[in-house]
Amino acid sequence: AALRTVYGVEAEFLTCSAARPVILPIA
């Protein structure tokens, strides 16, 4: 929701092996 509001993008949130989020902008 913050990425939509602040950055104006849709993004997919993944989780890496270190349990940290990885953000993949989509559109």
mmCIF file of all heavy atoms, coordinates in Angstrom:
data_MODEL
# 
_entry.id   MODEL 
# 
loop_
_atom_site.group_PDB 
_atom_site.id 
_atom_site.type_symbol 
_atom_site.label_atom_id 
_atom_site.label_alt_id 
_atom_site.label_comp_id 
_atom_site.label_asym_id 
_atom_site.label_entity_id 
_atom_site.label_seq_id 
_atom_site.pdbx_PDB_ins_code 
_atom_site.Cartn_x 
_atom_site.Cartn_y 
_atom_site.Cartn_z 
_atom_site.occupancy 
_atom_site.B_iso_or_equiv 
_atom_site.pdbx_formal_charge 
_atom_site.auth_seq_id 
_atom_site.auth_comp_id 
_atom_site.auth_asym_id 
_atom_site.auth_atom_id 
_atom_site.pdbx_PDB_model_num 
ATOM 1   N N   . ALA A 1 1  ? 0.830  -1.209  0.000   1.00 0.00 ? 1  ALA A N   1 
ATOM 2   C CA  . ALA A 1 1  ? 0.000  0.000   0.000   1.00 0.00 ? 1  ALA A CA  1 
ATOM 3   C C   . ALA A 1 1  ? 0.865  1.260   0.000   1.00 0.00 ? 1  ALA A C   1 
ATOM 4   O O   . ALA A 1 1  ? 0.554  2.245   -0.679  1.00 0.00 ? 1  ALA A O   1 
ATOM 5   C CB  . ALA A 1 1  ? -0.929 -0.006  1.214   1.00 0.00 ? 1  ALA A CB  1 
ATOM 6   N N   . ALA A 1 2  ? 1.968  1.239   0.766   1.00 0.00 ? 2  ALA A N   1 
ATOM 7   C CA  . ALA A 1 2  ? 2.857  2.402   0.814   1.00 0.00 ? 2  ALA A CA  1 
ATOM 8   C C   . ALA A 1 2  ? 3.517  2.639   -0.547  1.00 0.00 ? 2  ALA A C   1 
ATOM 9   O O   . ALA A 1 2  ? 3.680  3.786   -0.973  1.00 0.00 ? 2  ALA A O   1 
ATOM 10  C CB  . ALA A 1 2  ? 3.917  2.210   1.890   1.00 0.00 ? 2  ALA A CB  1 
ATOM 11  N N   . LEU A 1 3  ? 3.887  1.563   -1.232  1.00 0.00 ? 3  LEU A N   1 
ATOM 12  C CA  . LEU A 1 3  ? 4.505  1.727   -2.548  1.00 0.00 ? 3  LEU A CA  1 
ATOM 13  C C   . LEU A 1 3  ? 3.518  2.327   -3.545  1.00 0.00 ? 3  LEU A C   1 
ATOM 14  O O   . LEU A 1 3  ? 3.897  3.117   -4.412  1.00 0.00 ? 3  LEU A O   1 
ATOM 15  C CB  . LEU A 1 3  ? 5.038  0.392   -3.061  1.00 0.00 ? 3  LEU A CB  1 
ATOM 16  C CG  . LEU A 1 3  ? 6.272  -0.165  -2.338  1.00 0.00 ? 3  LEU A CG  1 
ATOM 17  C CD1 . LEU A 1 3  ? 6.821  -1.370  -3.085  1.00 0.00 ? 3  LEU A CD1 1 
ATOM 18  C CD2 . LEU A 1 3  ? 7.352  0.880   -2.183  1.00 0.00 ? 3  LEU A CD2 1 
ATOM 19  N N   . ARG A 1 4  ? 2.252  1.927   -3.430  1.00 0.00 ? 4  ARG A N   1 
ATOM 20  C CA  . ARG A 1 4  ? 1.255  2.516   -4.316  1.00 0.00 ? 4  ARG A CA  1 
ATOM 21  C C   . ARG A 1 4  ? 1.099  4.009   -4.026  1.00 0.00 ? 4  ARG A C   1 
ATOM 22  O O   . ARG A 1 4  ? 1.057  4.836   -4.942  1.00 0.00 ? 4  ARG A O   1 
ATOM 23  C CB  . ARG A 1 4  ? -0.094 1.817   -4.141  1.00 0.00 ? 4  ARG A CB  1 
ATOM 24  C CG  . ARG A 1 4  ? -0.114 0.361   -4.559  1.00 0.00 ? 4  ARG A CG  1 
ATOM 25  C CD  . ARG A 1 4  ? -1.520 -0.202  -4.508  1.00 0.00 ? 4  ARG A CD  1 
ATOM 26  N NE  . ARG A 1 4  ? -1.504 -1.649  -4.519  1.00 0.00 ? 4  ARG A NE  1 
ATOM 27  C CZ  . ARG A 1 4  ? -1.723 -2.419  -3.452  1.00 0.00 ? 4  ARG A CZ  1 
ATOM 28  N NH1 . ARG A 1 4  ? -2.023 -1.858  -2.285  1.00 0.00 ? 4  ARG A NH1 1 
ATOM 29  N NH2 . ARG A 1 4  ? -1.675 -3.731  -3.547  1.00 0.00 ? 4  ARG A NH2 1 
ATOM 30  N N   . THR A 1 5  ? 0.987  4.347   -2.753  1.00 0.00 ? 5  THR A N   1 
ATOM 31  C CA  . THR A 1 5  ? 0.707  5.726   -2.364  1.00 0.00 ? 5  THR A CA  1 
ATOM 32  C C   . THR A 1 5  ? 1.904  6.639   -2.564  1.00 0.00 ? 5  THR A C   1 
ATOM 33  O O   . THR A 1 5  ? 1.777  7.748   -3.089  1.00 0.00 ? 5  THR A O   1 
ATOM 34  C CB  . THR A 1 5  ? 0.274  5.778   -0.881  1.00 0.00 ? 5  THR A CB  1 
ATOM 35  O OG1 . THR A 1 5  ? -0.873 4.951   -0.696  1.00 0.00 ? 5  THR A OG1 1 
ATOM 36  C CG2 . THR A 1 5  ? -0.046 7.192   -0.456  1.00 0.00 ? 5  THR A CG2 1 
ATOM 37  N N   . VAL A 1 6  ? 3.080  6.186   -2.126  1.00 0.00 ? 6  VAL A N   1 
ATOM 38  C CA  . VAL A 1 6  ? 4.270  7.047   -2.112  1.00 0.00 ? 6  VAL A CA  1 
ATOM 39  C C   . VAL A 1 6  ? 5.032  7.005   -3.433  1.00 0.00 ? 6  VAL A C   1 
ATOM 40  O O   . VAL A 1 6  ? 5.457  8.035   -3.951  1.00 0.00 ? 6  VAL A O   1 
ATOM 41  C CB  . VAL A 1 6  ? 5.194  6.655   -0.938  1.00 0.00 ? 6  VAL A CB  1 
ATOM 42  C CG1 . VAL A 1 6  ? 6.478  7.476   -0.968  1.00 0.00 ? 6  VAL A CG1 1 
ATOM 43  C CG2 . VAL A 1 6  ? 4.470  6.845   0.393   1.00 0.00 ? 6  VAL A CG2 1 
ATOM 44  N N   . TYR A 1 7  ? 5.214  5.798   -3.984  1.00 0.00 ? 7  TYR A N   1 
ATOM 45  C CA  . TYR A 1 7  ? 6.002  5.655   -5.207  1.00 0.00 ? 7  TYR A CA  1 
ATOM 46  C C   . TYR A 1 7  ? 5.144  5.556   -6.470  1.00 0.00 ? 7  TYR A C   1 
ATOM 47  O O   . TYR A 1 7  ? 5.658  5.716   -7.580  1.00 0.00 ? 7  TYR A O   1 
ATOM 48  C CB  . TYR A 1 7  ? 6.883  4.408   -5.124  1.00 0.00 ? 7  TYR A CB  1 
ATOM 49  C CG  . TYR A 1 7  ? 8.070  4.547   -4.209  1.00 0.00 ? 7  TYR A CG  1 
ATOM 50  C CD1 . TYR A 1 7  ? 7.976  4.212   -2.868  1.00 0.00 ? 7  TYR A CD1 1 
ATOM 51  C CD2 . TYR A 1 7  ? 9.302  4.991   -4.683  1.00 0.00 ? 7  TYR A CD2 1 
ATOM 52  C CE1 . TYR A 1 7  ? 9.069  4.317   -2.015  1.00 0.00 ? 7  TYR A CE1 1 
ATOM 53  C CE2 . TYR A 1 7  ? 10.404 5.098   -3.850  1.00 0.00 ? 7  TYR A CE2 1 
ATOM 54  C CZ  . TYR A 1 7  ? 10.278 4.768   -2.515  1.00 0.00 ? 7  TYR A CZ  1 
ATOM 55  O OH  . TYR A 1 7  ? 11.364 4.879   -1.682  1.00 0.00 ? 7  TYR A OH  1 
ATOM 56  N N   . GLY A 1 8  ? 3.872  5.220   -6.312  1.00 0.00 ? 8  GLY A N   1 
ATOM 57  C CA  . GLY A 1 8  ? 3.013  5.069   -7.479  1.00 0.00 ? 8  GLY A CA  1 
ATOM 58  C C   . GLY A 1 8  ? 3.306  3.830   -8.290  1.00 0.00 ? 8  GLY A C   1 
ATOM 59  O O   . GLY A 1 8  ? 3.196  3.844   -9.515  1.00 0.00 ? 8  GLY A O   1 
ATOM 60  N N   . VAL A 1 9  ? 3.696  2.732   -7.609  1.00 0.00 ? 9  VAL A N   1 
ATOM 61  C CA  . VAL A 1 9  ? 3.989  1.485   -8.313  1.00 0.00 ? 9  VAL A CA  1 
ATOM 62  C C   . VAL A 1 9  ? 3.321  0.305   -7.616  1.00 0.00 ? 9  VAL A C   1 
ATOM 63  O O   . VAL A 1 9  ? 3.092  0.314   -6.402  1.00 0.00 ? 9  VAL A O   1 
ATOM 64  C CB  . VAL A 1 9  ? 5.512  1.212   -8.405  1.00 0.00 ? 9  VAL A CB  1 
ATOM 65  C CG1 . VAL A 1 9  ? 6.212  2.287   -9.201  1.00 0.00 ? 9  VAL A CG1 1 
ATOM 66  C CG2 . VAL A 1 9  ? 6.129  1.065   -7.021  1.00 0.00 ? 9  VAL A CG2 1 
ATOM 67  N N   . GLU A 1 10 ? 3.009  -0.692  -8.409  1.00 0.00 ? 10 GLU A N   1 
ATOM 68  C CA  . GLU A 1 10 ? 2.615  -1.990  -7.885  1.00 0.00 ? 10 GLU A CA  1 
ATOM 69  C C   . GLU A 1 10 ? 3.878  -2.837  -7.773  1.00 0.00 ? 10 GLU A C   1 
ATOM 70  O O   . GLU A 1 10 ? 4.744  -2.794  -8.648  1.00 0.00 ? 10 GLU A O   1 
ATOM 71  C CB  . GLU A 1 10 ? 1.626  -2.677  -8.825  1.00 0.00 ? 10 GLU A CB  1 
ATOM 72  C CG  . GLU A 1 10 ? 0.262  -2.022  -8.909  1.00 0.00 ? 10 GLU A CG  1 
ATOM 73  C CD  . GLU A 1 10 ? -0.625 -2.365  -7.723  1.00 0.00 ? 10 GLU A CD  1 
ATOM 74  O OE1 . GLU A 1 10 ? -0.153 -3.057  -6.799  1.00 0.00 ? 10 GLU A OE1 1 
ATOM 75  O OE2 . GLU A 1 10 ? -1.794 -1.954  -7.737  1.00 0.00 ? 10 GLU A OE2 1 
ATOM 76  N N   . ALA A 1 11 ? 3.987  -3.600  -6.696  1.00 0.00 ? 11 ALA A N   1 
ATOM 77  C CA  . ALA A 1 11 ? 5.184  -4.409  -6.500  1.00 0.00 ? 11 ALA A CA  1 
ATOM 78  C C   . ALA A 1 11 ? 4.818  -5.732  -5.852  1.00 0.00 ? 11 ALA A C   1 
ATOM 79  O O   . ALA A 1 11 ? 3.844  -5.835  -5.094  1.00 0.00 ? 11 ALA A O   1 
ATOM 80  C CB  . ALA A 1 11 ? 6.195  -3.670  -5.640  1.00 0.00 ? 11 ALA A CB  1 
ATOM 81  N N   . GLU A 1 12 ? 5.621  -6.723  -6.171  1.00 0.00 ? 12 GLU A N   1 
ATOM 82  C CA  . GLU A 1 12 ? 5.493  -8.031  -5.531  1.00 0.00 ? 12 GLU A CA  1 
ATOM 83  C C   . GLU A 1 12 ? 6.538  -8.133  -4.439  1.00 0.00 ? 12 GLU A C   1 
ATOM 84  O O   . GLU A 1 12 ? 7.704  -7.780  -4.632  1.00 0.00 ? 12 GLU A O   1 
ATOM 85  C CB  . GLU A 1 12 ? 5.692  -9.143  -6.559  1.00 0.00 ? 12 GLU A CB  1 
ATOM 86  C CG  . GLU A 1 12 ? 5.442  -10.539 -5.994  1.00 0.00 ? 12 GLU A CG  1 
ATOM 87  C CD  . GLU A 1 12 ? 5.528  -11.617 -7.057  1.00 0.00 ? 12 GLU A CD  1 
ATOM 88  O OE1 . GLU A 1 12 ? 5.640  -11.253 -8.256  1.00 0.00 ? 12 GLU A OE1 1 
ATOM 89  O OE2 . GLU A 1 12 ? 5.494  -12.806 -6.694  1.00 0.00 ? 12 GLU A OE2 1 
ATOM 90  N N   . PHE A 1 13 ? 6.133  -8.610  -3.267  1.00 0.00 ? 13 PHE A N   1 
ATOM 91  C CA  . PHE A 1 13 ? 7.041  -8.769  -2.142  1.00 0.00 ? 13 PHE A CA  1 
ATOM 92  C C   . PHE A 1 13 ? 7.393  -10.246 -1.993  1.00 0.00 ? 13 PHE A C   1 
ATOM 93  O O   . PHE A 1 13 ? 6.526  -11.087 -1.754  1.00 0.00 ? 13 PHE A O   1 
ATOM 94  C CB  . PHE A 1 13 ? 6.395  -8.254  -0.851  1.00 0.00 ? 13 PHE A CB  1 
ATOM 95  C CG  . PHE A 1 13 ? 6.447  -6.765  -0.692  1.00 0.00 ? 13 PHE A CG  1 
ATOM 96  C CD1 . PHE A 1 13 ? 5.882  -5.922  -1.647  1.00 0.00 ? 13 PHE A CD1 1 
ATOM 97  C CD2 . PHE A 1 13 ? 7.072  -6.177  0.398   1.00 0.00 ? 13 PHE A CD2 1 
ATOM 98  C CE1 . PHE A 1 13 ? 5.924  -4.545  -1.513  1.00 0.00 ? 13 PHE A CE1 1 
ATOM 99  C CE2 . PHE A 1 13 ? 7.132  -4.805  0.549   1.00 0.00 ? 13 PHE A CE2 1 
ATOM 100 C CZ  . PHE A 1 13 ? 6.552  -3.978  -0.411  1.00 0.00 ? 13 PHE A CZ  1 
ATOM 101 N N   . LEU A 1 14 ? 8.682  -10.554 -2.142  1.00 0.00 ? 14 LEU A N   1 
ATOM 102 C CA  . LEU A 1 14 ? 9.177  -11.908 -1.964  1.00 0.00 ? 14 LEU A CA  1 
ATOM 103 C C   . LEU A 1 14 ? 9.981  -11.966 -0.672  1.00 0.00 ? 14 LEU A C   1 
ATOM 104 O O   . LEU A 1 14 ? 10.218 -10.957 -0.018  1.00 0.00 ? 14 LEU A O   1 
ATOM 105 C CB  . LEU A 1 14 ? 10.049 -12.310 -3.162  1.00 0.00 ? 14 LEU A CB  1 
ATOM 106 C CG  . LEU A 1 14 ? 9.442  -12.079 -4.550  1.00 0.00 ? 14 LEU A CG  1 
ATOM 107 C CD1 . LEU A 1 14 ? 10.460 -12.409 -5.636  1.00 0.00 ? 14 LEU A CD1 1 
ATOM 108 C CD2 . LEU A 1 14 ? 8.174  -12.897 -4.723  1.00 0.00 ? 14 LEU A CD2 1 
ATOM 109 N N   . THR A 1 15 ? 10.407 -13.150 -0.295  1.00 0.00 ? 15 THR A N   1 
ATOM 110 C CA  . THR A 1 15 ? 11.238 -13.321 0.899   1.00 0.00 ? 15 THR A CA  1 
ATOM 111 C C   . THR A 1 15 ? 12.489 -14.092 0.527   1.00 0.00 ? 15 THR A C   1 
ATOM 112 O O   . THR A 1 15 ? 12.410 -15.166 -0.083  1.00 0.00 ? 15 THR A O   1 
ATOM 113 C CB  . THR A 1 15 ? 10.484 -14.082 2.009   1.00 0.00 ? 15 THR A CB  1 
ATOM 114 O OG1 . THR A 1 15 ? 9.272  -13.374 2.317   1.00 0.00 ? 15 THR A OG1 1 
ATOM 115 C CG2 . THR A 1 15 ? 11.343 -14.185 3.264   1.00 0.00 ? 15 THR A CG2 1 
ATOM 116 N N   . CYS A 1 16 ? 13.668 -13.523 0.864   1.00 0.00 ? 16 CYS A N   1 
ATOM 117 C CA  . CYS A 1 16 ? 14.924 -14.180 0.521   1.00 0.00 ? 16 CYS A CA  1 
ATOM 118 C C   . CYS A 1 16 ? 15.292 -15.211 1.589   1.00 0.00 ? 16 CYS A C   1 
ATOM 119 O O   . CYS A 1 16 ? 14.596 -15.364 2.590   1.00 0.00 ? 16 CYS A O   1 
ATOM 120 C CB  . CYS A 1 16 ? 16.044 -13.150 0.365   1.00 0.00 ? 16 CYS A CB  1 
ATOM 121 S SG  . CYS A 1 16 ? 16.559 -12.392 1.908   1.00 0.00 ? 16 CYS A SG  1 
ATOM 122 N N   . SER A 1 17 ? 16.397 -15.910 1.387   1.00 0.00 ? 17 SER A N   1 
ATOM 123 C CA  . SER A 1 17 ? 16.817 -16.961 2.316   1.00 0.00 ? 17 SER A CA  1 
ATOM 124 C C   . SER A 1 17 ? 17.163 -16.420 3.689   1.00 0.00 ? 17 SER A C   1 
ATOM 125 O O   . SER A 1 17 ? 17.141 -17.158 4.673   1.00 0.00 ? 17 SER A O   1 
ATOM 126 C CB  . SER A 1 17 ? 18.029 -17.708 1.743   1.00 0.00 ? 17 SER A CB  1 
ATOM 127 O OG  . SER A 1 17 ? 19.104 -16.816 1.524   1.00 0.00 ? 17 SER A OG  1 
ATOM 128 N N   . ALA A 1 18 ? 17.483 -15.107 3.782   1.00 0.00 ? 18 ALA A N   1 
ATOM 129 C CA  . ALA A 1 18 ? 17.790 -14.491 5.072   1.00 0.00 ? 18 ALA A CA  1 
ATOM 130 C C   . ALA A 1 18 ? 16.536 -13.946 5.741   1.00 0.00 ? 18 ALA A C   1 
ATOM 131 O O   . ALA A 1 18 ? 16.627 -13.207 6.731   1.00 0.00 ? 18 ALA A O   1 
ATOM 132 C CB  . ALA A 1 18 ? 18.811 -13.372 4.881   1.00 0.00 ? 18 ALA A CB  1 
ATOM 133 N N   . ALA A 1 19 ? 15.367 -14.323 5.217   1.00 0.00 ? 19 ALA A N   1 
ATOM 134 C CA  . ALA A 1 19 ? 14.071 -13.906 5.764   1.00 0.00 ? 19 ALA A CA  1 
ATOM 135 C C   . ALA A 1 19 ? 13.857 -12.397 5.653   1.00 0.00 ? 19 ALA A C   1 
ATOM 136 O O   . ALA A 1 19 ? 13.109 -11.815 6.436   1.00 0.00 ? 19 ALA A O   1 
ATOM 137 C CB  . ALA A 1 19 ? 13.912 -14.366 7.210   1.00 0.00 ? 19 ALA A CB  1 
ATOM 138 N N   . ARG A 1 20 ? 14.512 -11.773 4.694   1.00 0.00 ? 20 ARG A N   1 
ATOM 139 C CA  . ARG A 1 20 ? 14.326 -10.351 4.436   1.00 0.00 ? 20 ARG A CA  1 
ATOM 140 C C   . ARG A 1 20 ? 13.447 -10.181 3.203   1.00 0.00 ? 20 ARG A C   1 
ATOM 141 O O   . ARG A 1 20 ? 13.500 -10.988 2.278   1.00 0.00 ? 20 ARG A O   1 
ATOM 142 C CB  . ARG A 1 20 ? 15.673 -9.681  4.183   1.00 0.00 ? 20 ARG A CB  1 
ATOM 143 C CG  . ARG A 1 20 ? 16.598 -9.673  5.383   1.00 0.00 ? 20 ARG A CG  1 
ATOM 144 C CD  . ARG A 1 20 ? 16.235 -8.568  6.332   1.00 0.00 ? 20 ARG A CD  1 
ATOM 145 N NE  . ARG A 1 20 ? 17.244 -8.370  7.360   1.00 0.00 ? 20 ARG A NE  1 
ATOM 146 C CZ  . ARG A 1 20 ? 17.279 -7.346  8.188   1.00 0.00 ? 20 ARG A CZ  1 
ATOM 147 N NH1 . ARG A 1 20 ? 16.345 -6.409  8.108   1.00 0.00 ? 20 ARG A NH1 1 
ATOM 148 N NH2 . ARG A 1 20 ? 18.206 -7.252  9.112   1.00 0.00 ? 20 ARG A NH2 1 
ATOM 149 N N   . PRO A 1 21 ? 12.637 -9.114  3.158   1.00 0.00 ? 21 PRO A N   1 
ATOM 150 C CA  . PRO A 1 21 ? 11.797 -8.908  1.977   1.00 0.00 ? 21 PRO A CA  1 
ATOM 151 C C   . PRO A 1 21 ? 12.618 -8.496  0.761   1.00 0.00 ? 21 PRO A C   1 
ATOM 152 O O   . PRO A 1 21 ? 13.633 -7.820  0.878   1.00 0.00 ? 21 PRO A O   1 
ATOM 153 C CB  . PRO A 1 21 ? 10.853 -7.772  2.409   1.00 0.00 ? 21 PRO A CB  1 
ATOM 154 C CG  . PRO A 1 21 ? 11.580 -7.061  3.490   1.00 0.00 ? 21 PRO A CG  1 
ATOM 155 C CD  . PRO A 1 21 ? 12.387 -8.106  4.201   1.00 0.00 ? 21 PRO A CD  1 
ATOM 156 N N   . VAL A 1 22 ? 12.178 -8.948  -0.390  1.00 0.00 ? 22 VAL A N   1 
ATOM 157 C CA  . VAL A 1 22 ? 12.750 -8.536  -1.671  1.00 0.00 ? 22 VAL A CA  1 
ATOM 158 C C   . VAL A 1 22 ? 11.611 -7.932  -2.485  1.00 0.00 ? 22 VAL A C   1 
ATOM 159 O O   . VAL A 1 22 ? 10.573 -8.570  -2.680  1.00 0.00 ? 22 VAL A O   1 
ATOM 160 C CB  . VAL A 1 22 ? 13.373 -9.723  -2.422  1.00 0.00 ? 22 VAL A CB  1 
ATOM 161 C CG1 . VAL A 1 22 ? 13.881 -9.275  -3.795  1.00 0.00 ? 22 VAL A CG1 1 
ATOM 162 C CG2 . VAL A 1 22 ? 14.500 -10.346 -1.608  1.00 0.00 ? 22 VAL A CG2 1 
ATOM 163 N N   . ILE A 1 23 ? 11.807 -6.699  -2.948  1.00 0.00 ? 23 ILE A N   1 
ATOM 164 C CA  . ILE A 1 23 ? 10.747 -5.973  -3.631  1.00 0.00 ? 23 ILE A CA  1 
ATOM 165 C C   . ILE A 1 23 ? 10.976 -6.009  -5.134  1.00 0.00 ? 23 ILE A C   1 
ATOM 166 O O   . ILE A 1 23 ? 12.045 -5.629  -5.622  1.00 0.00 ? 23 ILE A O   1 
ATOM 167 C CB  . ILE A 1 23 ? 10.684 -4.518  -3.134  1.00 0.00 ? 23 ILE A CB  1 
ATOM 168 C CG1 . ILE A 1 23 ? 10.375 -4.506  -1.634  1.00 0.00 ? 23 ILE A CG1 1 
ATOM 169 C CG2 . ILE A 1 23 ? 9.643  -3.724  -3.906  1.00 0.00 ? 23 ILE A CG2 1 
ATOM 170 C CD1 . ILE A 1 23 ? 10.460 -3.139  -1.012  1.00 0.00 ? 23 ILE A CD1 1 
ATOM 171 N N   . LEU A 1 24 ? 9.969  -6.468  -5.838  1.00 0.00 ? 24 LEU A N   1 
ATOM 172 C CA  . LEU A 1 24 ? 10.031 -6.576  -7.295  1.00 0.00 ? 24 LEU A CA  1 
ATOM 173 C C   . LEU A 1 24 ? 8.952  -5.672  -7.898  1.00 0.00 ? 24 LEU A C   1 
ATOM 174 O O   . LEU A 1 24 ? 7.772  -6.032  -7.910  1.00 0.00 ? 24 LEU A O   1 
ATOM 175 C CB  . LEU A 1 24 ? 9.816  -8.022  -7.727  1.00 0.00 ? 24 LEU A CB  1 
ATOM 176 C CG  . LEU A 1 24 ? 9.852  -8.308  -9.222  1.00 0.00 ? 24 LEU A CG  1 
ATOM 177 C CD1 . LEU A 1 24 ? 11.221 -7.992  -9.806  1.00 0.00 ? 24 LEU A CD1 1 
ATOM 178 C CD2 . LEU A 1 24 ? 9.464  -9.757  -9.497  1.00 0.00 ? 24 LEU A CD2 1 
ATOM 179 N N   . PRO A 1 25 ? 9.324  -4.477  -8.366  1.00 0.00 ? 25 PRO A N   1 
ATOM 180 C CA  . PRO A 1 25 ? 8.331  -3.603  -8.997  1.00 0.00 ? 25 PRO A CA  1 
ATOM 181 C C   . PRO A 1 25 ? 7.739  -4.275  -10.240 1.00 0.00 ? 25 PRO A C   1 
ATOM 182 O O   . PRO A 1 25 ? 8.459  -4.895  -11.023 1.00 0.00 ? 25 PRO A O   1 
ATOM 183 C CB  . PRO A 1 25 ? 9.136  -2.353  -9.371  1.00 0.00 ? 25 PRO A CB  1 
ATOM 184 C CG  . PRO A 1 25 ? 10.356 -2.405  -8.504  1.00 0.00 ? 25 PRO A CG  1 
ATOM 185 C CD  . PRO A 1 25 ? 10.661 -3.858  -8.329  1.00 0.00 ? 25 PRO A CD  1 
ATOM 186 N N   . ILE A 1 26 ? 6.422  -4.135  -10.412 1.00 0.00 ? 26 ILE A N   1 
ATOM 187 C CA  . ILE A 1 26 ? 5.738  -4.801  -11.510 1.00 0.00 ? 26 ILE A CA  1 
ATOM 188 C C   . ILE A 1 26 ? 5.216  -3.808  -12.544 1.00 0.00 ? 26 ILE A C   1 
ATOM 189 O O   . ILE A 1 26 ? 5.428  -3.965  -13.746 1.00 0.00 ? 26 ILE A O   1 
ATOM 190 C CB  . ILE A 1 26 ? 4.570  -5.659  -10.976 1.00 0.00 ? 26 ILE A CB  1 
ATOM 191 C CG1 . ILE A 1 26 ? 5.111  -6.755  -10.048 1.00 0.00 ? 26 ILE A CG1 1 
ATOM 192 C CG2 . ILE A 1 26 ? 3.785  -6.265  -12.126 1.00 0.00 ? 26 ILE A CG2 1 
ATOM 193 C CD1 . ILE A 1 26 ? 4.021  -7.539  -9.350  1.00 0.00 ? 26 ILE A CD1 1 
ATOM 194 N N   . ALA A 1 27 ? 4.535  -2.765  -12.065 1.00 0.00 ? 27 ALA A N   1 
ATOM 195 C CA  . ALA A 1 27 ? 3.909  -1.829  -13.001 1.00 0.00 ? 27 ALA A CA  1 
ATOM 196 C C   . ALA A 1 27 ? 3.549  -0.547  -12.264 1.00 0.00 ? 27 ALA A C   1 
ATOM 197 O O   . ALA A 1 27 ? 3.452  -0.538  -11.032 1.00 0.00 ? 27 ALA A O   1 
ATOM 198 C CB  . ALA A 1 27 ? 2.639  -2.454  -13.597 1.00 0.00 ? 27 ALA A CB  1 
# 
